[in-house]
């Protein structure tokens, strides 16, 4: 669906260097989005399409809702929500250190309702990433050398005093099946929007990424109704929405 950013957009005119942080940024909805490199600029058409047709297609969080995003990236969707529901609460979890730092800088200007967290939510104690320009490649390269802080799901809930989660958004490159399996109490989670990654398995990247059947099965066993997407695009159609409404 989306062509190369470089062919469609001259990002050099849209991205600026922020001397105090050493990062780049662009403006979206009157707010700065801090990014690692100018080529990570997200065109507004792509941003709006994913927010409206995937992330918040079935449920748009309202003021007072608590959103938790695992794999929050640079936080563009948080800015989208800020414009729609200024008093929404948003906890963005981003384990890649440099991306997390960018996210924290973006959230610094959004107000107290927006928090960035640096953890991998996992029962494992020793997880290492490596530096890689491709966002999707970092966690699945075996020769990791950057130690990442981990936290089990129950400890994560306690640390951030999460009494309810109105929408749990998840885009964690294949780890969604293990994280869903590790949740011991679904009662506080009203809705999920999850990127499964079967399309990566179909692209020959390994059966580790074949997650949709497992994730769907666990959610159904815990009383959630599943809604799918059908845009005819492999990566977008691997997203699922689940709710108890």
Protein backbone atom coordinates (compact mmCIF):
# COMPACT_ATOMS: atom_id res chain seq x y z
CA UNK A 1 0.00 0.00 0.00
CA UNK A 2 2.68 2.47 1.03
CA UNK A 3 5.45 3.29 -1.40
CA UNK A 4 8.96 4.27 -0.39
CA UNK A 5 8.98 7.32 1.83
CA UNK A 6 11.90 8.76 -0.09
CA UNK A 7 9.94 8.63 -3.35
CA UNK A 8 6.83 10.25 -1.94
CA UNK A 9 8.20 12.77 0.52
CA UNK A 10 11.15 15.09 0.78
CA UNK A 11 11.71 14.47 4.49
CA UNK A 12 14.73 16.76 4.47
CA UNK A 13 12.35 19.73 4.48
CA UNK A 14 10.24 18.30 7.34
CA UNK A 15 12.85 17.00 9.80
CA UNK A 16 14.96 19.24 12.02
CA UNK A 17 17.96 18.70 14.27
CA UNK A 18 17.47 19.29 18.00
CA UNK A 19 20.83 20.43 19.34
CA UNK A 20 20.11 19.96 23.10
CA UNK A 21 19.16 16.28 22.73
CA UNK A 22 21.21 15.37 19.68
CA UNK A 23 18.10 13.83 18.07
CA UNK A 24 16.02 14.82 15.09
CA UNK A 25 12.37 15.77 15.26
CA UNK A 26 9.40 16.67 13.14
CA UNK A 27 6.16 18.35 14.12
CA UNK A 28 2.88 16.49 14.22
CA UNK A 29 -0.29 18.14 15.50
CA UNK A 30 1.71 20.98 17.02
CA UNK A 31 3.93 18.58 18.99
CA UNK A 32 7.49 17.43 18.36
CA UNK A 33 8.12 13.77 17.53
CA UNK A 34 11.74 12.93 18.33
CA UNK A 35 13.36 10.36 16.04
CA UNK A 36 16.74 8.70 15.74
CA UNK A 37 17.33 9.54 12.08
CA UNK A 38 15.57 11.67 9.42
CA UNK A 39 14.70 8.55 7.42
CA UNK A 40 12.45 7.48 10.31
CA UNK A 41 10.10 10.33 9.52
CA UNK A 42 6.52 9.04 9.33
CA UNK A 43 4.42 10.74 6.63
CA UNK A 44 1.15 12.07 7.96
CA UNK A 45 -0.92 10.02 5.50
CA UNK A 46 0.61 6.78 6.80
CA UNK A 47 0.26 7.96 10.40
CA UNK A 48 -3.41 8.83 10.00
CA UNK A 49 -4.18 5.65 8.08
CA UNK A 50 -2.75 3.33 10.75
CA UNK A 51 -4.35 5.27 13.61
CA UNK A 52 -7.79 5.43 11.99
CA UNK A 53 -7.87 2.04 10.26
CA UNK A 54 -5.91 -0.15 12.69
CA UNK A 55 -4.99 1.14 16.13
CA UNK A 56 -8.23 2.93 16.97
CA UNK A 57 -10.57 1.64 14.28
CA UNK A 58 -12.76 -0.36 16.66
CA UNK A 59 -12.21 1.72 19.79
CA UNK A 60 -11.03 5.31 20.21
CA UNK A 61 -9.92 5.89 23.81
CA UNK A 62 -11.70 8.74 25.56
CA UNK A 63 -10.75 11.17 28.32
CA UNK A 64 -9.85 9.33 31.49
CA UNK A 65 -9.06 6.04 29.72
CA UNK A 66 -5.79 4.27 30.43
CA UNK A 67 -3.90 3.13 27.33
CA UNK A 68 -0.82 0.92 27.57
CA UNK A 69 1.27 0.54 24.41
CA UNK A 70 3.92 -2.18 24.25
CA UNK A 71 6.30 -1.35 21.45
CA UNK A 72 5.37 2.32 21.47
CA UNK A 73 8.08 3.39 19.03
CA UNK A 74 8.37 7.15 18.66
CA UNK A 75 4.85 7.79 19.95
CA UNK A 76 3.03 9.18 16.92
CA UNK A 77 -0.21 7.44 17.88
CA UNK A 78 -0.03 9.02 21.35
CA UNK A 79 -0.06 12.45 19.71
CA UNK A 80 -3.07 11.37 17.64
CA UNK A 81 -4.87 10.43 20.86
CA UNK A 82 -3.81 13.65 22.57
CA UNK A 83 -5.61 15.58 19.83
CA UNK A 84 -8.76 13.44 20.10
CA UNK A 85 -8.90 12.98 23.89
CA UNK A 86 -6.61 15.45 25.70
CA UNK A 87 -7.10 13.82 29.11
CA UNK A 88 -6.37 10.25 28.07
CA UNK A 89 -3.63 8.47 30.07
CA UNK A 90 -0.97 6.80 27.96
CA UNK A 91 1.88 4.56 29.14
CA UNK A 92 4.26 3.82 26.28
CA UNK A 93 6.68 0.93 26.70
CA UNK A 94 9.68 0.92 24.40
CA UNK A 95 12.57 -1.46 25.10
CA UNK A 96 15.05 -0.27 22.46
CA UNK A 97 17.21 2.22 24.40
CA UNK A 98 17.67 4.87 21.71
CA UNK A 99 14.02 4.70 20.67
CA UNK A 100 12.94 4.86 24.31
CA UNK A 101 14.98 8.04 24.78
CA UNK A 102 13.31 9.61 21.76
CA UNK A 103 9.89 8.56 23.08
CA UNK A 104 10.64 10.09 26.48
CA UNK A 105 11.54 13.38 24.80
CA UNK A 106 8.33 13.33 22.77
CA UNK A 107 6.24 12.64 25.87
CA UNK A 108 8.02 15.35 27.88
CA UNK A 109 6.01 17.93 25.93
CA UNK A 110 2.66 16.11 26.08
CA UNK A 111 1.95 16.48 29.80
CA UNK A 112 1.79 14.32 32.91
CA UNK A 113 -0.70 11.88 31.41
CA UNK A 114 1.95 10.51 29.04
CA UNK A 115 4.72 8.31 30.44
CA UNK A 116 7.52 6.34 28.79
CA UNK A 117 8.77 3.03 30.17
CA UNK A 118 12.02 1.23 29.14
CA UNK A 119 11.23 -2.41 29.99
CA UNK A 120 10.84 -5.67 28.14
CA UNK A 121 7.80 -7.27 29.75
CA UNK A 122 9.12 -10.79 30.23
CA UNK A 123 9.86 -13.46 32.82
CA UNK A 124 13.36 -13.77 31.36
CA UNK A 125 16.16 -12.10 33.30
CA UNK A 126 18.79 -11.69 30.62
CA UNK A 127 17.71 -10.08 27.36
CA UNK A 128 20.12 -8.32 25.04
CA UNK A 129 19.49 -6.27 21.92
CA UNK A 130 21.90 -4.82 19.42
CA UNK A 131 22.02 -1.53 17.59
CA UNK A 132 20.35 -1.80 14.20
CA UNK A 133 18.85 0.80 11.91
CA UNK A 134 15.82 -1.37 11.19
CA UNK A 135 13.35 -1.16 14.07
CA UNK A 136 12.02 -4.68 13.44
CA UNK A 137 15.44 -6.37 13.38
CA UNK A 138 16.87 -5.42 16.76
CA UNK A 139 15.26 -8.04 18.97
CA UNK A 140 15.74 -11.06 16.71
CA UNK A 141 19.49 -10.82 16.07
CA UNK A 142 21.15 -13.37 18.33
CA UNK A 143 24.42 -11.51 18.91
CA UNK A 144 22.91 -8.97 21.29
CA UNK A 145 25.22 -6.88 23.46
CA UNK A 146 22.98 -4.16 24.94
CA UNK A 147 21.46 -5.40 28.19
CA UNK A 148 17.77 -4.53 28.45
CA UNK A 149 15.88 -4.24 31.76
CA UNK A 150 13.10 -6.79 32.11
CA UNK A 151 10.01 -6.96 34.28
CA UNK A 152 7.37 -9.65 34.69
CA UNK A 153 3.80 -8.64 33.89
CA UNK A 154 2.54 -8.65 37.53
CA UNK A 155 5.48 -6.47 38.60
CA UNK A 156 4.83 -4.12 35.71
CA UNK A 157 1.20 -3.69 36.78
CA UNK A 158 2.30 -2.95 40.33
CA UNK A 159 5.08 -0.55 39.38
CA UNK A 160 2.78 1.66 37.34
CA UNK A 161 -0.25 1.20 39.62
CA UNK A 162 -2.46 -0.01 36.80
CA UNK A 163 -5.92 -0.68 38.20
CA UNK A 164 -7.52 -0.87 34.75
CA UNK A 165 -6.36 -0.88 31.15
CA UNK A 166 -8.97 0.37 28.72
CA UNK A 167 -6.84 -0.50 25.69
CA UNK A 168 -3.66 -2.59 25.59
CA UNK A 169 -1.87 -1.97 22.29
CA UNK A 170 0.87 -4.40 21.36
CA UNK A 171 3.41 -4.39 18.54
CA UNK A 172 6.42 -6.35 19.75
CA UNK A 173 7.69 -8.23 16.71
CA UNK A 174 6.60 -11.79 17.46
CA UNK A 175 6.88 -11.71 21.25
CA UNK A 176 3.12 -11.11 21.58
CA UNK A 177 2.33 -14.83 21.95
CA UNK A 178 4.69 -15.21 24.93
CA UNK A 179 3.52 -12.03 26.61
CA UNK A 180 -0.16 -12.91 26.26
CA UNK A 181 0.59 -16.35 27.73
CA UNK A 182 2.33 -14.71 30.72
CA UNK A 183 -0.67 -12.57 31.76
CA UNK A 184 -2.12 -14.16 34.87
CA UNK A 185 -5.07 -11.81 35.34
CA UNK A 186 -7.05 -10.47 32.39
CA UNK A 187 -9.73 -8.87 34.54
CA UNK A 188 -8.27 -5.36 34.39
CA UNK A 189 -7.83 -5.39 30.59
CA UNK A 190 -10.94 -4.34 28.67
CA UNK A 191 -9.59 -4.34 25.14
CA UNK A 192 -6.58 -5.36 23.07
CA UNK A 193 -5.27 -4.21 19.72
CA UNK A 194 -2.41 -6.52 18.75
CA UNK A 195 -0.09 -6.81 15.80
CA UNK A 196 0.49 -10.48 15.10
CA UNK A 197 3.36 -11.28 12.79
CA UNK A 198 2.41 -14.24 10.63
CA UNK A 199 3.32 -12.15 7.60
CA UNK A 200 6.96 -12.31 8.67
CA UNK A 201 6.76 -16.10 8.84
CA UNK A 202 5.22 -16.11 5.37
CA UNK A 203 8.15 -13.96 4.22
CA UNK A 204 10.54 -16.73 5.29
CA UNK A 205 11.71 -15.18 8.57
CA UNK A 206 10.86 -18.24 10.67
CA UNK A 207 7.95 -19.85 12.49
CA UNK A 208 8.70 -17.79 15.61
CA UNK A 209 6.62 -15.08 13.94
CA UNK A 210 3.56 -17.29 13.42
CA UNK A 211 1.56 -15.88 16.34
CA UNK A 212 -2.01 -15.10 15.30
CA UNK A 213 -3.56 -18.51 16.06
CA UNK A 214 -1.96 -18.73 19.51
CA UNK A 215 -2.83 -15.16 20.50
CA UNK A 216 -6.41 -15.50 19.28
CA UNK A 217 -6.89 -18.80 21.12
CA UNK A 218 -5.68 -17.40 24.47
CA UNK A 219 -7.87 -14.32 24.17
CA UNK A 220 -10.95 -16.37 23.30
CA UNK A 221 -10.34 -18.67 26.28
CA UNK A 222 -10.34 -15.58 28.48
CA UNK A 223 -13.70 -14.37 27.23
CA UNK A 224 -12.73 -11.86 24.55
CA UNK A 225 -14.57 -11.36 21.30
CA UNK A 226 -12.26 -11.07 18.31
CA UNK A 227 -12.53 -8.69 15.37
CA UNK A 228 -10.19 -8.86 12.40
CA UNK A 229 -9.12 -6.58 9.57
CA UNK A 230 -9.49 -7.23 5.87
CA UNK A 231 -7.63 -4.62 3.85
CA UNK A 232 -5.83 -7.11 1.63
CA UNK A 233 -2.47 -6.08 3.09
CA UNK A 234 -0.54 -8.86 4.84
CA UNK A 235 0.91 -6.86 7.74
CA UNK A 236 -2.26 -4.89 8.49
CA UNK A 237 -4.53 -7.92 8.27
CA UNK A 238 -2.43 -9.62 10.97
CA UNK A 239 -3.69 -7.07 13.51
CA UNK A 240 -6.53 -8.27 15.77
CA UNK A 241 -8.89 -6.42 18.07
CA UNK A 242 -10.28 -8.13 21.18
CA UNK A 243 -12.80 -6.88 23.70
CA UNK A 244 -15.24 -8.01 26.38
CA UNK A 245 -17.83 -5.43 25.39
